[in-house]
Amino acid sequence: MPEKVIVAWSGGKDSALALYEVLHIKRYEVLKLLTTVTQDYDRISIHGVRRVLLEQQVEALGFSLEHMLVPKGISDAEYERKMLQIFTRQLASGVFSVVFGDIFLEDVRKYREQMLAKIGVRGIFPLWKRNTHELASEFVDLGFKAVITCVDTHSLGEEFAGREFDKQFLADLPANIDPCGENGEFHSFVYDGPIFGKPILFTRGEVVLRENRFCYCDLVPIS
C-alpha cells in the first residue's frame, strides 16, 4: 500500500521536480500540496507569485492545496508553530511524511528533520545530492516550463527577472551561480509540464526592486 505524503510546494521548479519524482515512485500517494502564503501580499512567500496563480497551478496538477498563511516578518518560532499545527492535523489522515525539494543545503535539511521529529513525522528528499547542472537540464528536457519570478540582485543581475527558465537562461548564468538557484539566487514559477493537465496562462507585468535587493517580476493571470 502506498505511503501517504504531502508535498511542500513553493510553485517553483525544485518542488515540481520533487513532485514528479515521487509520482513516478509508486511507493507514495500524494494527498495534497502545502504552500506558505504571505497574507499581507496574498502571494507565495519568497517567490512573490499571486495566490490565484498558485491555485490554478495546483488545480492543473490535480491536487488539493493547503495554505499556510503567515504575516510578513514572521518569527522562526511562530513559523515553526504554524507548520507543526498543519502537520499534526495531517496525522489523522495517516500522513507521516513530507516531501521537500531541497538539493544540497545541509543546514536546511537538518532544520526540517529536527522540526518534523517533534511530532513523529519524517522528511523525504527525492532530489538530495543530485547534480544541479543535471537537474536543471533534466527539468527543461522533460518539458517543464517555468519563469523566473524573483532574483537576489546581490547574486544575479535584475535582468534575469521574468526570463524563461530554459537552455539559454542556463547558458547565460554566471559560473558562480547554482543552476537550480539552490543558494537563493533566484526563484521560479512552473506553468506547464508533464504532470500538468493544462498550462497556466499569464502575462509578465511590472518588474520591481524591493528591500533594495530582491527584484520581482509580477505575473498577471489571464482570465
N, C-alpha and C. Protein backbone atom coordinates (compact mmCIF):
# COMPACT_ATOMS: atom_id res chain seq x y z
N MET A 1 0.85 -1.20 0.00
CA MET A 1 0.00 0.00 0.00
C MET A 1 0.89 1.25 0.00
N PRO A 2 0.62 2.21 -0.91
CA PRO A 2 1.47 3.40 -1.00
C PRO A 2 1.46 4.21 0.30
N GLU A 3 2.59 4.80 0.60
CA GLU A 3 2.71 5.66 1.78
C GLU A 3 2.11 7.03 1.47
N LYS A 4 1.23 7.52 2.34
CA LYS A 4 0.61 8.82 2.15
C LYS A 4 1.59 9.94 2.50
N VAL A 5 1.68 10.94 1.62
CA VAL A 5 2.59 12.06 1.85
C VAL A 5 1.91 13.36 1.45
N ILE A 6 2.44 14.46 1.98
CA ILE A 6 2.12 15.78 1.46
C ILE A 6 3.42 16.37 0.93
N VAL A 7 3.30 17.28 -0.02
CA VAL A 7 4.46 17.87 -0.66
C VAL A 7 4.56 19.35 -0.29
N ALA A 8 5.72 19.75 0.22
CA ALA A 8 5.98 21.16 0.48
C ALA A 8 6.16 21.84 -0.87
N TRP A 9 5.23 22.70 -1.23
CA TRP A 9 5.10 23.20 -2.60
C TRP A 9 5.34 24.70 -2.65
N SER A 10 6.40 25.12 -3.33
CA SER A 10 6.68 26.55 -3.49
C SER A 10 6.13 27.09 -4.80
N GLY A 11 5.73 26.18 -5.69
CA GLY A 11 5.30 26.58 -7.02
C GLY A 11 6.45 26.66 -8.01
N GLY A 12 7.68 26.45 -7.51
CA GLY A 12 8.86 26.56 -8.35
C GLY A 12 9.36 25.22 -8.87
N LYS A 13 10.46 25.28 -9.60
CA LYS A 13 10.95 24.12 -10.34
C LYS A 13 11.42 22.99 -9.44
N ASP A 14 12.06 23.29 -8.30
CA ASP A 14 12.57 22.20 -7.46
C ASP A 14 11.43 21.40 -6.84
N SER A 15 10.40 22.09 -6.37
CA SER A 15 9.27 21.36 -5.81
C SER A 15 8.52 20.60 -6.91
N ALA A 16 8.52 21.15 -8.14
CA ALA A 16 7.88 20.44 -9.25
C ALA A 16 8.64 19.17 -9.60
N LEU A 17 9.96 19.24 -9.59
CA LEU A 17 10.77 18.06 -9.86
C LEU A 17 10.63 17.02 -8.75
N ALA A 18 10.56 17.49 -7.51
CA ALA A 18 10.37 16.57 -6.39
C ALA A 18 9.03 15.86 -6.50
N LEU A 19 7.97 16.62 -6.86
CA LEU A 19 6.65 16.02 -7.05
C LEU A 19 6.69 15.02 -8.20
N TYR A 20 7.33 15.39 -9.30
CA TYR A 20 7.46 14.50 -10.45
C TYR A 20 8.12 13.18 -10.03
N GLU A 21 9.16 13.27 -9.22
CA GLU A 21 9.89 12.08 -8.79
C GLU A 21 9.00 11.16 -7.94
N VAL A 22 8.30 11.73 -6.95
CA VAL A 22 7.50 10.86 -6.07
C VAL A 22 6.29 10.28 -6.80
N LEU A 23 5.79 11.00 -7.81
CA LEU A 23 4.67 10.45 -8.58
C LEU A 23 5.12 9.25 -9.42
N HIS A 24 6.38 9.22 -9.77
CA HIS A 24 6.90 8.11 -10.56
C HIS A 24 7.47 6.99 -9.70
N ILE A 25 7.55 7.24 -8.41
CA ILE A 25 7.93 6.18 -7.47
C ILE A 25 6.62 5.67 -6.87
N LYS A 26 6.22 4.51 -7.21
CA LYS A 26 4.88 4.02 -6.87
C LYS A 26 4.68 3.79 -5.37
N ARG A 27 5.71 4.09 -4.58
CA ARG A 27 5.59 3.86 -3.12
C ARG A 27 4.76 4.94 -2.42
N TYR A 28 4.48 6.04 -3.12
CA TYR A 28 3.85 7.18 -2.44
C TYR A 28 2.50 7.56 -3.04
N GLU A 29 1.62 8.05 -2.16
CA GLU A 29 0.33 8.63 -2.57
C GLU A 29 0.31 10.07 -2.08
N VAL A 30 0.32 11.01 -3.00
CA VAL A 30 0.32 12.43 -2.64
C VAL A 30 -1.11 12.87 -2.32
N LEU A 31 -1.33 13.31 -1.07
CA LEU A 31 -2.67 13.72 -0.67
C LEU A 31 -2.93 15.19 -0.97
N LYS A 32 -1.91 16.04 -0.78
CA LYS A 32 -2.11 17.46 -1.05
C LYS A 32 -0.77 18.17 -1.12
N LEU A 33 -0.81 19.41 -1.58
CA LEU A 33 0.37 20.26 -1.65
C LEU A 33 0.23 21.36 -0.60
N LEU A 34 1.32 21.69 0.06
CA LEU A 34 1.33 22.69 1.13
C LEU A 34 2.20 23.87 0.72
N THR A 35 1.60 25.06 0.73
CA THR A 35 2.32 26.27 0.32
C THR A 35 2.18 27.36 1.38
N THR A 36 3.29 28.06 1.64
CA THR A 36 3.27 29.20 2.55
C THR A 36 2.94 30.46 1.75
N VAL A 37 1.91 31.17 2.21
CA VAL A 37 1.45 32.39 1.53
C VAL A 37 1.55 33.55 2.51
N THR A 38 2.22 34.62 2.09
CA THR A 38 2.31 35.82 2.93
C THR A 38 1.01 36.60 2.81
N GLN A 39 0.27 36.66 3.91
CA GLN A 39 -1.09 37.20 3.86
C GLN A 39 -1.12 38.69 3.55
N ASP A 40 -0.08 39.44 3.91
CA ASP A 40 -0.05 40.88 3.64
C ASP A 40 -0.09 41.17 2.13
N TYR A 41 0.47 40.26 1.34
CA TYR A 41 0.54 40.46 -0.11
C TYR A 41 -0.35 39.49 -0.88
N ASP A 42 -0.83 38.44 -0.21
CA ASP A 42 -1.61 37.38 -0.84
C ASP A 42 -0.80 36.74 -1.97
N ARG A 43 0.45 36.47 -1.68
CA ARG A 43 1.37 35.89 -2.64
C ARG A 43 2.19 34.77 -2.00
N ILE A 44 2.70 33.87 -2.84
CA ILE A 44 3.58 32.81 -2.33
C ILE A 44 4.79 33.45 -1.68
N SER A 45 5.08 33.06 -0.45
CA SER A 45 6.23 33.62 0.27
C SER A 45 7.52 33.39 -0.51
N ILE A 46 8.37 34.39 -0.52
CA ILE A 46 9.67 34.39 -1.18
C ILE A 46 9.53 34.50 -2.71
N HIS A 47 8.69 33.67 -3.31
CA HIS A 47 8.58 33.64 -4.77
C HIS A 47 7.78 34.82 -5.32
N GLY A 48 6.87 35.37 -4.52
CA GLY A 48 6.13 36.56 -4.93
C GLY A 48 5.05 36.35 -5.96
N VAL A 49 4.56 35.11 -6.10
CA VAL A 49 3.54 34.80 -7.10
C VAL A 49 2.14 34.94 -6.49
N ARG A 50 1.22 35.54 -7.23
CA ARG A 50 -0.14 35.74 -6.74
C ARG A 50 -0.81 34.41 -6.39
N ARG A 51 -1.62 34.45 -5.33
CA ARG A 51 -2.26 33.22 -4.88
C ARG A 51 -3.18 32.62 -5.94
N VAL A 52 -3.83 33.46 -6.73
CA VAL A 52 -4.74 32.93 -7.75
C VAL A 52 -3.98 32.05 -8.75
N LEU A 53 -2.73 32.40 -9.07
CA LEU A 53 -1.93 31.58 -9.98
C LEU A 53 -1.51 30.29 -9.30
N LEU A 54 -1.21 30.36 -8.02
CA LEU A 54 -0.91 29.16 -7.25
C LEU A 54 -2.09 28.19 -7.28
N GLU A 55 -3.28 28.72 -7.07
CA GLU A 55 -4.47 27.87 -7.05
C GLU A 55 -4.74 27.25 -8.42
N GLN A 56 -4.53 28.03 -9.48
CA GLN A 56 -4.69 27.48 -10.84
C GLN A 56 -3.65 26.40 -11.10
N GLN A 57 -2.44 26.63 -10.62
CA GLN A 57 -1.35 25.68 -10.79
C GLN A 57 -1.67 24.34 -10.13
N VAL A 58 -2.09 24.40 -8.88
CA VAL A 58 -2.38 23.16 -8.14
C VAL A 58 -3.58 22.44 -8.74
N GLU A 59 -4.57 23.20 -9.20
CA GLU A 59 -5.73 22.58 -9.86
C GLU A 59 -5.29 21.85 -11.13
N ALA A 60 -4.39 22.48 -11.91
CA ALA A 60 -3.91 21.87 -13.15
C ALA A 60 -3.10 20.60 -12.86
N LEU A 61 -2.52 20.52 -11.68
CA LEU A 61 -1.77 19.33 -11.28
C LEU A 61 -2.69 18.24 -10.74
N GLY A 62 -3.92 18.61 -10.40
CA GLY A 62 -4.89 17.62 -9.94
C GLY A 62 -4.84 17.31 -8.47
N PHE A 63 -4.35 18.27 -7.66
CA PHE A 63 -4.26 18.04 -6.22
C PHE A 63 -5.05 19.10 -5.46
N SER A 64 -5.25 18.85 -4.18
CA SER A 64 -5.82 19.87 -3.31
C SER A 64 -4.68 20.66 -2.68
N LEU A 65 -5.01 21.86 -2.25
CA LEU A 65 -3.99 22.79 -1.74
C LEU A 65 -4.24 23.12 -0.28
N GLU A 66 -3.19 23.09 0.49
CA GLU A 66 -3.23 23.55 1.88
C GLU A 66 -2.40 24.83 1.96
N HIS A 67 -3.05 25.95 2.34
CA HIS A 67 -2.33 27.20 2.53
C HIS A 67 -1.83 27.30 3.96
N MET A 68 -0.63 27.80 4.15
CA MET A 68 -0.22 28.24 5.47
C MET A 68 -0.03 29.75 5.39
N LEU A 69 -1.00 30.49 5.90
CA LEU A 69 -0.96 31.95 5.84
C LEU A 69 -0.06 32.49 6.94
N VAL A 70 0.90 33.33 6.56
CA VAL A 70 1.82 33.91 7.54
C VAL A 70 1.90 35.42 7.31
N PRO A 71 2.11 36.20 8.38
CA PRO A 71 2.34 37.63 8.20
C PRO A 71 3.77 37.87 7.75
N LYS A 72 4.01 38.99 7.08
CA LYS A 72 5.39 39.31 6.72
C LYS A 72 6.20 39.52 8.00
N GLY A 73 7.45 39.13 7.97
CA GLY A 73 8.31 39.28 9.14
C GLY A 73 8.03 38.29 10.25
N ILE A 74 7.36 37.18 9.95
CA ILE A 74 7.04 36.19 10.97
C ILE A 74 8.33 35.66 11.60
N SER A 75 8.29 35.42 12.90
CA SER A 75 9.47 34.88 13.60
C SER A 75 9.64 33.41 13.27
N ASP A 76 10.85 32.91 13.43
CA ASP A 76 11.12 31.50 13.18
C ASP A 76 10.27 30.61 14.10
N ALA A 77 10.12 31.03 15.35
CA ALA A 77 9.36 30.23 16.31
C ALA A 77 7.89 30.14 15.93
N GLU A 78 7.31 31.26 15.48
CA GLU A 78 5.90 31.26 15.09
C GLU A 78 5.70 30.49 13.80
N TYR A 79 6.65 30.62 12.88
CA TYR A 79 6.58 29.85 11.63
C TYR A 79 6.57 28.35 11.93
N GLU A 80 7.45 27.92 12.79
CA GLU A 80 7.52 26.51 13.14
C GLU A 80 6.25 26.04 13.83
N ARG A 81 5.70 26.88 14.70
CA ARG A 81 4.47 26.52 15.41
C ARG A 81 3.33 26.30 14.42
N LYS A 82 3.18 27.21 13.46
CA LYS A 82 2.12 27.09 12.46
C LYS A 82 2.33 25.85 11.59
N MET A 83 3.57 25.62 11.20
CA MET A 83 3.86 24.47 10.35
C MET A 83 3.55 23.16 11.07
N LEU A 84 3.95 23.05 12.32
CA LEU A 84 3.70 21.83 13.07
C LEU A 84 2.21 21.62 13.32
N GLN A 85 1.45 22.69 13.45
CA GLN A 85 0.00 22.57 13.59
C GLN A 85 -0.60 21.89 12.36
N ILE A 86 -0.14 22.32 11.19
CA ILE A 86 -0.66 21.73 9.94
C ILE A 86 -0.27 20.26 9.83
N PHE A 87 1.00 19.96 10.11
CA PHE A 87 1.45 18.58 10.01
C PHE A 87 0.74 17.69 11.02
N THR A 88 0.47 18.23 12.20
CA THR A 88 -0.22 17.46 13.22
C THR A 88 -1.63 17.10 12.77
N ARG A 89 -2.31 18.05 12.09
CA ARG A 89 -3.65 17.77 11.56
C ARG A 89 -3.61 16.66 10.51
N GLN A 90 -2.52 16.60 9.75
CA GLN A 90 -2.42 15.59 8.70
C GLN A 90 -2.21 14.19 9.25
N LEU A 91 -1.74 14.10 10.49
CA LEU A 91 -1.52 12.78 11.09
C LEU A 91 -2.82 11.97 11.13
N ALA A 92 -3.94 12.67 11.32
CA ALA A 92 -5.24 11.98 11.38
C ALA A 92 -5.60 11.34 10.05
N SER A 93 -4.99 11.84 8.95
CA SER A 93 -5.24 11.26 7.62
C SER A 93 -4.22 10.18 7.28
N GLY A 94 -3.37 9.88 8.24
CA GLY A 94 -2.36 8.84 8.01
C GLY A 94 -1.11 9.33 7.30
N VAL A 95 -0.88 10.65 7.35
CA VAL A 95 0.30 11.23 6.71
C VAL A 95 1.41 11.37 7.74
N PHE A 96 2.50 10.66 7.51
CA PHE A 96 3.63 10.71 8.43
C PHE A 96 4.91 11.16 7.73
N SER A 97 4.77 11.64 6.48
CA SER A 97 5.95 12.06 5.71
C SER A 97 5.64 13.30 4.89
N VAL A 98 6.66 14.13 4.74
CA VAL A 98 6.55 15.35 3.95
C VAL A 98 7.67 15.36 2.92
N VAL A 99 7.33 15.67 1.67
CA VAL A 99 8.30 15.71 0.58
C VAL A 99 8.83 17.13 0.40
N PHE A 100 10.15 17.26 0.31
CA PHE A 100 10.79 18.57 0.10
C PHE A 100 11.66 18.51 -1.16
N GLY A 101 11.85 19.68 -1.78
CA GLY A 101 12.66 19.77 -2.99
C GLY A 101 14.09 20.21 -2.74
N ASP A 102 14.56 20.15 -1.50
CA ASP A 102 15.93 20.56 -1.19
C ASP A 102 16.93 19.66 -1.90
N ILE A 103 18.09 20.26 -2.25
CA ILE A 103 19.08 19.51 -3.02
C ILE A 103 20.39 19.29 -2.26
N PHE A 104 20.95 20.36 -1.68
CA PHE A 104 22.24 20.12 -1.00
C PHE A 104 22.50 20.95 0.25
N LEU A 105 21.60 21.80 0.68
CA LEU A 105 21.86 22.63 1.85
C LEU A 105 21.64 21.81 3.13
N GLU A 106 22.73 21.40 3.74
CA GLU A 106 22.69 20.51 4.90
C GLU A 106 21.95 21.12 6.08
N ASP A 107 22.16 22.44 6.32
CA ASP A 107 21.53 23.07 7.47
C ASP A 107 20.01 23.14 7.31
N VAL A 108 19.54 23.34 6.07
CA VAL A 108 18.11 23.40 5.81
C VAL A 108 17.48 22.03 6.05
N ARG A 109 18.13 20.99 5.54
CA ARG A 109 17.59 19.64 5.75
C ARG A 109 17.57 19.29 7.24
N LYS A 110 18.64 19.62 7.93
CA LYS A 110 18.71 19.31 9.36
C LYS A 110 17.60 20.01 10.12
N TYR A 111 17.34 21.29 9.78
CA TYR A 111 16.27 22.04 10.43
C TYR A 111 14.92 21.37 10.20
N ARG A 112 14.65 21.00 8.97
CA ARG A 112 13.37 20.38 8.65
C ARG A 112 13.20 19.06 9.41
N GLU A 113 14.23 18.25 9.41
CA GLU A 113 14.14 16.94 10.06
C GLU A 113 13.97 17.07 11.57
N GLN A 114 14.66 18.02 12.16
CA GLN A 114 14.52 18.22 13.61
C GLN A 114 13.13 18.73 13.96
N MET A 115 12.58 19.62 13.13
CA MET A 115 11.23 20.14 13.37
C MET A 115 10.20 19.02 13.26
N LEU A 116 10.29 18.23 12.20
CA LEU A 116 9.31 17.16 11.99
C LEU A 116 9.40 16.08 13.05
N ALA A 117 10.61 15.82 13.54
CA ALA A 117 10.79 14.77 14.54
C ALA A 117 10.02 15.06 15.81
N LYS A 118 9.70 16.32 16.07
CA LYS A 118 8.96 16.69 17.28
C LYS A 118 7.57 16.08 17.30
N ILE A 119 7.03 15.77 16.12
CA ILE A 119 5.68 15.17 16.08
C ILE A 119 5.70 13.81 15.39
N GLY A 120 6.88 13.24 15.23
CA GLY A 120 6.97 11.89 14.68
C GLY A 120 6.76 11.80 13.19
N VAL A 121 7.07 12.87 12.47
CA VAL A 121 6.94 12.90 11.01
C VAL A 121 8.34 12.92 10.41
N ARG A 122 8.50 12.32 9.21
CA ARG A 122 9.81 12.30 8.58
C ARG A 122 9.79 13.08 7.28
N GLY A 123 10.95 13.53 6.85
CA GLY A 123 11.09 14.23 5.59
C GLY A 123 11.58 13.29 4.49
N ILE A 124 11.09 13.50 3.28
CA ILE A 124 11.54 12.76 2.10
C ILE A 124 12.17 13.78 1.15
N PHE A 125 13.37 13.48 0.68
CA PHE A 125 14.13 14.43 -0.14
C PHE A 125 14.55 13.74 -1.45
N PRO A 126 13.66 13.66 -2.43
CA PRO A 126 13.94 12.88 -3.64
C PRO A 126 15.04 13.45 -4.53
N LEU A 127 15.39 14.74 -4.36
CA LEU A 127 16.42 15.35 -5.19
C LEU A 127 17.77 15.43 -4.48
N TRP A 128 17.85 14.90 -3.29
CA TRP A 128 19.01 15.14 -2.42
C TRP A 128 20.31 14.67 -3.06
N LYS A 129 21.28 15.60 -3.08
CA LYS A 129 22.65 15.36 -3.57
C LYS A 129 22.73 15.08 -5.07
N ARG A 130 21.62 15.34 -5.79
CA ARG A 130 21.69 15.23 -7.24
C ARG A 130 22.53 16.40 -7.80
N ASN A 131 23.20 16.18 -8.89
CA ASN A 131 23.98 17.23 -9.54
C ASN A 131 23.03 18.30 -10.08
N THR A 132 23.22 19.55 -9.66
CA THR A 132 22.25 20.59 -10.00
C THR A 132 22.31 20.98 -11.48
N HIS A 133 23.46 20.82 -12.12
CA HIS A 133 23.53 21.07 -13.56
C HIS A 133 22.67 20.04 -14.31
N GLU A 134 22.78 18.79 -13.86
CA GLU A 134 21.98 17.73 -14.49
C GLU A 134 20.50 17.91 -14.20
N LEU A 135 20.16 18.31 -12.97
CA LEU A 135 18.76 18.52 -12.61
C LEU A 135 18.13 19.64 -13.44
N ALA A 136 18.87 20.75 -13.59
CA ALA A 136 18.34 21.88 -14.35
C ALA A 136 18.09 21.48 -15.80
N SER A 137 19.03 20.75 -16.39
CA SER A 137 18.85 20.29 -17.77
C SER A 137 17.71 19.29 -17.89
N GLU A 138 17.60 18.41 -16.88
CA GLU A 138 16.53 17.42 -16.89
C GLU A 138 15.16 18.10 -16.84
N PHE A 139 15.05 19.14 -16.03
CA PHE A 139 13.80 19.88 -15.91
C PHE A 139 13.35 20.38 -17.28
N VAL A 140 14.28 20.98 -18.01
CA VAL A 140 13.95 21.51 -19.33
C VAL A 140 13.65 20.38 -20.31
N ASP A 141 14.49 19.34 -20.29
CA ASP A 141 14.33 18.23 -21.23
C ASP A 141 13.02 17.48 -21.03
N LEU A 142 12.52 17.44 -19.80
CA LEU A 142 11.25 16.76 -19.53
C LEU A 142 10.05 17.53 -20.07
N GLY A 143 10.27 18.78 -20.44
CA GLY A 143 9.18 19.58 -20.98
C GLY A 143 8.53 20.52 -19.98
N PHE A 144 9.12 20.67 -18.79
CA PHE A 144 8.61 21.66 -17.85
C PHE A 144 8.87 23.06 -18.37
N LYS A 145 7.94 23.97 -18.05
CA LYS A 145 8.08 25.37 -18.41
C LYS A 145 8.00 26.22 -17.14
N ALA A 146 8.96 27.13 -16.98
CA ALA A 146 8.98 27.97 -15.78
C ALA A 146 9.49 29.35 -16.12
N VAL A 147 9.10 30.32 -15.30
CA VAL A 147 9.55 31.69 -15.47
C VAL A 147 10.20 32.14 -14.16
N ILE A 148 11.23 32.97 -14.27
CA ILE A 148 11.93 33.48 -13.08
C ILE A 148 11.11 34.62 -12.49
N THR A 149 10.69 34.45 -11.24
CA THR A 149 9.82 35.45 -10.60
C THR A 149 10.55 36.36 -9.63
N CYS A 150 11.70 35.92 -9.13
CA CYS A 150 12.44 36.70 -8.14
C CYS A 150 13.92 36.45 -8.31
N VAL A 151 14.70 37.53 -8.25
CA VAL A 151 16.16 37.46 -8.36
C VAL A 151 16.77 38.19 -7.18
N ASP A 152 17.73 37.56 -6.54
CA ASP A 152 18.51 38.23 -5.49
C ASP A 152 19.62 39.00 -6.19
N THR A 153 19.50 40.32 -6.26
CA THR A 153 20.44 41.11 -7.03
C THR A 153 21.82 41.18 -6.38
N HIS A 154 21.96 40.66 -5.15
CA HIS A 154 23.30 40.55 -4.57
C HIS A 154 24.08 39.41 -5.23
N SER A 155 23.36 38.55 -5.97
CA SER A 155 24.00 37.41 -6.62
C SER A 155 23.88 37.44 -8.14
N LEU A 156 22.76 38.01 -8.63
CA LEU A 156 22.43 37.90 -10.04
C LEU A 156 21.81 39.20 -10.53
N GLY A 157 22.05 39.55 -11.78
CA GLY A 157 21.53 40.80 -12.33
C GLY A 157 20.01 40.80 -12.43
N GLU A 158 19.41 41.96 -12.23
CA GLU A 158 17.95 42.07 -12.24
C GLU A 158 17.36 41.77 -13.61
N GLU A 159 18.18 41.80 -14.66
CA GLU A 159 17.67 41.49 -16.00
C GLU A 159 17.25 40.02 -16.14
N PHE A 160 17.62 39.19 -15.18
CA PHE A 160 17.20 37.79 -15.22
C PHE A 160 15.75 37.61 -14.73
N ALA A 161 15.22 38.60 -14.00
CA ALA A 161 13.83 38.50 -13.53
C ALA A 161 12.88 38.53 -14.71
N GLY A 162 11.95 37.57 -14.75
CA GLY A 162 10.98 37.50 -15.83
C GLY A 162 11.41 36.63 -16.99
N ARG A 163 12.65 36.13 -16.94
CA ARG A 163 13.12 35.30 -18.04
C ARG A 163 12.58 33.87 -17.95
N GLU A 164 12.52 33.23 -19.08
CA GLU A 164 12.13 31.83 -19.14
C GLU A 164 13.29 30.97 -18.62
N PHE A 165 12.95 29.94 -17.83
CA PHE A 165 13.97 29.00 -17.37
C PHE A 165 14.17 27.97 -18.48
N ASP A 166 15.16 28.22 -19.33
CA ASP A 166 15.40 27.34 -20.46
C ASP A 166 16.90 27.18 -20.68
N LYS A 167 17.27 26.53 -21.76
CA LYS A 167 18.69 26.28 -22.03
C LYS A 167 19.48 27.58 -22.16
N GLN A 168 18.86 28.60 -22.77
CA GLN A 168 19.56 29.87 -22.93
C GLN A 168 19.77 30.54 -21.58
N PHE A 169 18.76 30.48 -20.72
CA PHE A 169 18.90 31.02 -19.36
C PHE A 169 20.08 30.36 -18.65
N LEU A 170 20.14 29.03 -18.73
CA LEU A 170 21.22 28.29 -18.06
C LEU A 170 22.58 28.66 -18.64
N ALA A 171 22.64 28.85 -19.95
CA ALA A 171 23.90 29.22 -20.59
C ALA A 171 24.35 30.62 -20.19
N ASP A 172 23.39 31.49 -19.90
CA ASP A 172 23.71 32.88 -19.57
C ASP A 172 24.05 33.10 -18.10
N LEU A 173 23.78 32.10 -17.25
CA LEU A 173 24.08 32.26 -15.83
C LEU A 173 25.59 32.40 -15.60
N PRO A 174 26.01 33.31 -14.72
CA PRO A 174 27.43 33.37 -14.36
C PRO A 174 27.89 32.04 -13.76
N ALA A 175 29.16 31.75 -13.90
CA ALA A 175 29.70 30.45 -13.48
C ALA A 175 29.53 30.20 -11.99
N ASN A 176 29.45 31.26 -11.19
CA ASN A 176 29.35 31.08 -9.73
C ASN A 176 27.91 30.92 -9.24
N ILE A 177 26.95 30.92 -10.14
CA ILE A 177 25.54 30.81 -9.76
C ILE A 177 25.08 29.37 -9.93
N ASP A 178 24.45 28.81 -8.88
CA ASP A 178 23.95 27.45 -8.99
C ASP A 178 22.81 27.42 -10.01
N PRO A 179 22.84 26.47 -10.94
CA PRO A 179 21.81 26.44 -11.99
C PRO A 179 20.41 26.15 -11.49
N CYS A 180 20.30 25.64 -10.26
CA CYS A 180 18.97 25.45 -9.66
C CYS A 180 18.64 26.56 -8.66
N GLY A 181 19.53 27.54 -8.53
CA GLY A 181 19.29 28.62 -7.58
C GLY A 181 19.18 28.13 -6.15
N GLU A 182 19.90 27.06 -5.82
CA GLU A 182 19.75 26.43 -4.51
C GLU A 182 20.21 27.31 -3.37
N ASN A 183 21.07 28.28 -3.67
CA ASN A 183 21.54 29.21 -2.63
C ASN A 183 20.66 30.46 -2.53
N GLY A 184 19.50 30.43 -3.18
CA GLY A 184 18.57 31.56 -3.12
C GLY A 184 18.83 32.63 -4.16
N GLU A 185 19.63 32.32 -5.18
CA GLU A 185 19.95 33.32 -6.20
C GLU A 185 18.73 33.75 -7.00
N PHE A 186 17.80 32.82 -7.22
CA PHE A 186 16.58 33.14 -7.96
C PHE A 186 15.49 32.14 -7.60
N HIS A 187 14.25 32.51 -7.90
CA HIS A 187 13.09 31.64 -7.65
C HIS A 187 12.21 31.65 -8.91
N SER A 188 11.36 30.63 -9.01
CA SER A 188 10.62 30.45 -10.26
C SER A 188 9.17 30.05 -10.02
N PHE A 189 8.41 30.09 -11.11
CA PHE A 189 7.02 29.62 -11.12
C PHE A 189 6.88 28.68 -12.31
N VAL A 190 6.43 27.45 -12.05
CA VAL A 190 6.26 26.46 -13.11
C VAL A 190 4.84 26.55 -13.64
N TYR A 191 4.71 26.71 -14.95
CA TYR A 191 3.37 26.90 -15.51
C TYR A 191 2.92 25.80 -16.47
N ASP A 192 3.80 24.84 -16.75
CA ASP A 192 3.41 23.73 -17.62
C ASP A 192 4.44 22.62 -17.49
N GLY A 193 4.06 21.43 -17.93
CA GLY A 193 4.99 20.32 -17.86
C GLY A 193 4.29 18.98 -17.91
N PRO A 194 5.05 17.90 -17.80
CA PRO A 194 4.49 16.56 -17.99
C PRO A 194 3.49 16.12 -16.92
N ILE A 195 3.45 16.80 -15.79
CA ILE A 195 2.49 16.43 -14.75
C ILE A 195 1.31 17.40 -14.69
N PHE A 196 1.24 18.34 -15.64
CA PHE A 196 0.16 19.32 -15.68
C PHE A 196 -0.95 18.85 -16.61
N GLY A 197 -2.19 19.09 -16.19
CA GLY A 197 -3.32 18.79 -17.05
C GLY A 197 -3.51 19.85 -18.12
N LYS A 198 -3.05 21.08 -17.83
CA LYS A 198 -3.14 22.19 -18.77
C LYS A 198 -2.15 23.26 -18.33
N PRO A 199 -1.72 24.12 -19.24
CA PRO A 199 -0.78 25.19 -18.86
C PRO A 199 -1.50 26.30 -18.09
N ILE A 200 -0.73 27.02 -17.27
CA ILE A 200 -1.25 28.19 -16.56
C ILE A 200 -0.98 29.42 -17.43
N LEU A 201 -2.01 30.22 -17.67
CA LEU A 201 -1.90 31.36 -18.56
C LEU A 201 -1.68 32.65 -17.77
N PHE A 202 -0.71 33.43 -18.21
CA PHE A 202 -0.38 34.69 -17.53
C PHE A 202 0.38 35.58 -18.49
N THR A 203 0.50 36.84 -18.12
CA THR A 203 1.40 37.76 -18.83
C THR A 203 2.40 38.31 -17.82
N ARG A 204 3.54 38.72 -18.30
CA ARG A 204 4.53 39.33 -17.43
C ARG A 204 4.15 40.78 -17.18
N GLY A 205 4.13 41.15 -15.90
CA GLY A 205 3.74 42.51 -15.53
C GLY A 205 4.93 43.33 -15.09
N GLU A 206 4.72 44.17 -14.10
CA GLU A 206 5.73 45.10 -13.62
C GLU A 206 6.90 44.35 -12.97
N VAL A 207 8.09 44.87 -13.19
CA VAL A 207 9.29 44.37 -12.52
C VAL A 207 9.70 45.41 -11.48
N VAL A 208 9.77 44.99 -10.21
CA VAL A 208 10.05 45.94 -9.13
C VAL A 208 11.18 45.43 -8.25
N LEU A 209 11.94 46.37 -7.68
CA LEU A 209 13.01 46.05 -6.74
C LEU A 209 12.51 46.34 -5.33
N ARG A 210 12.60 45.37 -4.45
CA ARG A 210 12.14 45.53 -3.07
C ARG A 210 13.30 45.29 -2.10
N GLU A 211 13.26 46.03 -1.00
CA GLU A 211 14.30 45.94 0.04
C GLU A 211 15.69 46.25 -0.54
N ASN A 212 15.70 46.98 -1.65
CA ASN A 212 16.94 47.34 -2.33
C ASN A 212 17.79 46.12 -2.64
N ARG A 213 17.10 44.98 -2.87
CA ARG A 213 17.83 43.75 -3.11
C ARG A 213 17.10 42.76 -4.02
N PHE A 214 15.83 42.50 -3.73
CA PHE A 214 15.12 41.43 -4.44
C PHE A 214 14.28 42.02 -5.58
N CYS A 215 14.54 41.53 -6.78
CA CYS A 215 13.86 42.02 -7.96
C CYS A 215 12.77 41.02 -8.35
N TYR A 216 11.52 41.47 -8.35
CA TYR A 216 10.37 40.61 -8.64
C TYR A 216 9.75 40.96 -9.99
N CYS A 217 9.39 39.94 -10.73
CA CYS A 217 8.58 40.11 -11.94
C CYS A 217 7.18 39.64 -11.62
N ASP A 218 6.22 40.54 -11.68
CA ASP A 218 4.84 40.18 -11.39
C ASP A 218 4.27 39.36 -12.54
N LEU A 219 3.56 38.31 -12.21
CA LEU A 219 2.86 37.50 -13.20
C LEU A 219 1.38 37.80 -13.07
N VAL A 220 0.77 38.22 -14.16
CA VAL A 220 -0.63 38.67 -14.15
C VAL A 220 -1.49 37.59 -14.79
N PRO A 221 -2.47 37.06 -14.05
CA PRO A 221 -3.30 35.99 -14.60
C PRO A 221 -4.09 36.44 -15.82
N ILE A 222 -4.27 35.52 -16.75
CA ILE A 222 -5.16 35.74 -17.89
C ILE A 222 -6.46 34.98 -17.61
N SER A 223 -7.56 35.70 -17.55
CA SER A 223 -8.85 35.06 -17.20
C SER A 223 -9.25 34.07 -18.28
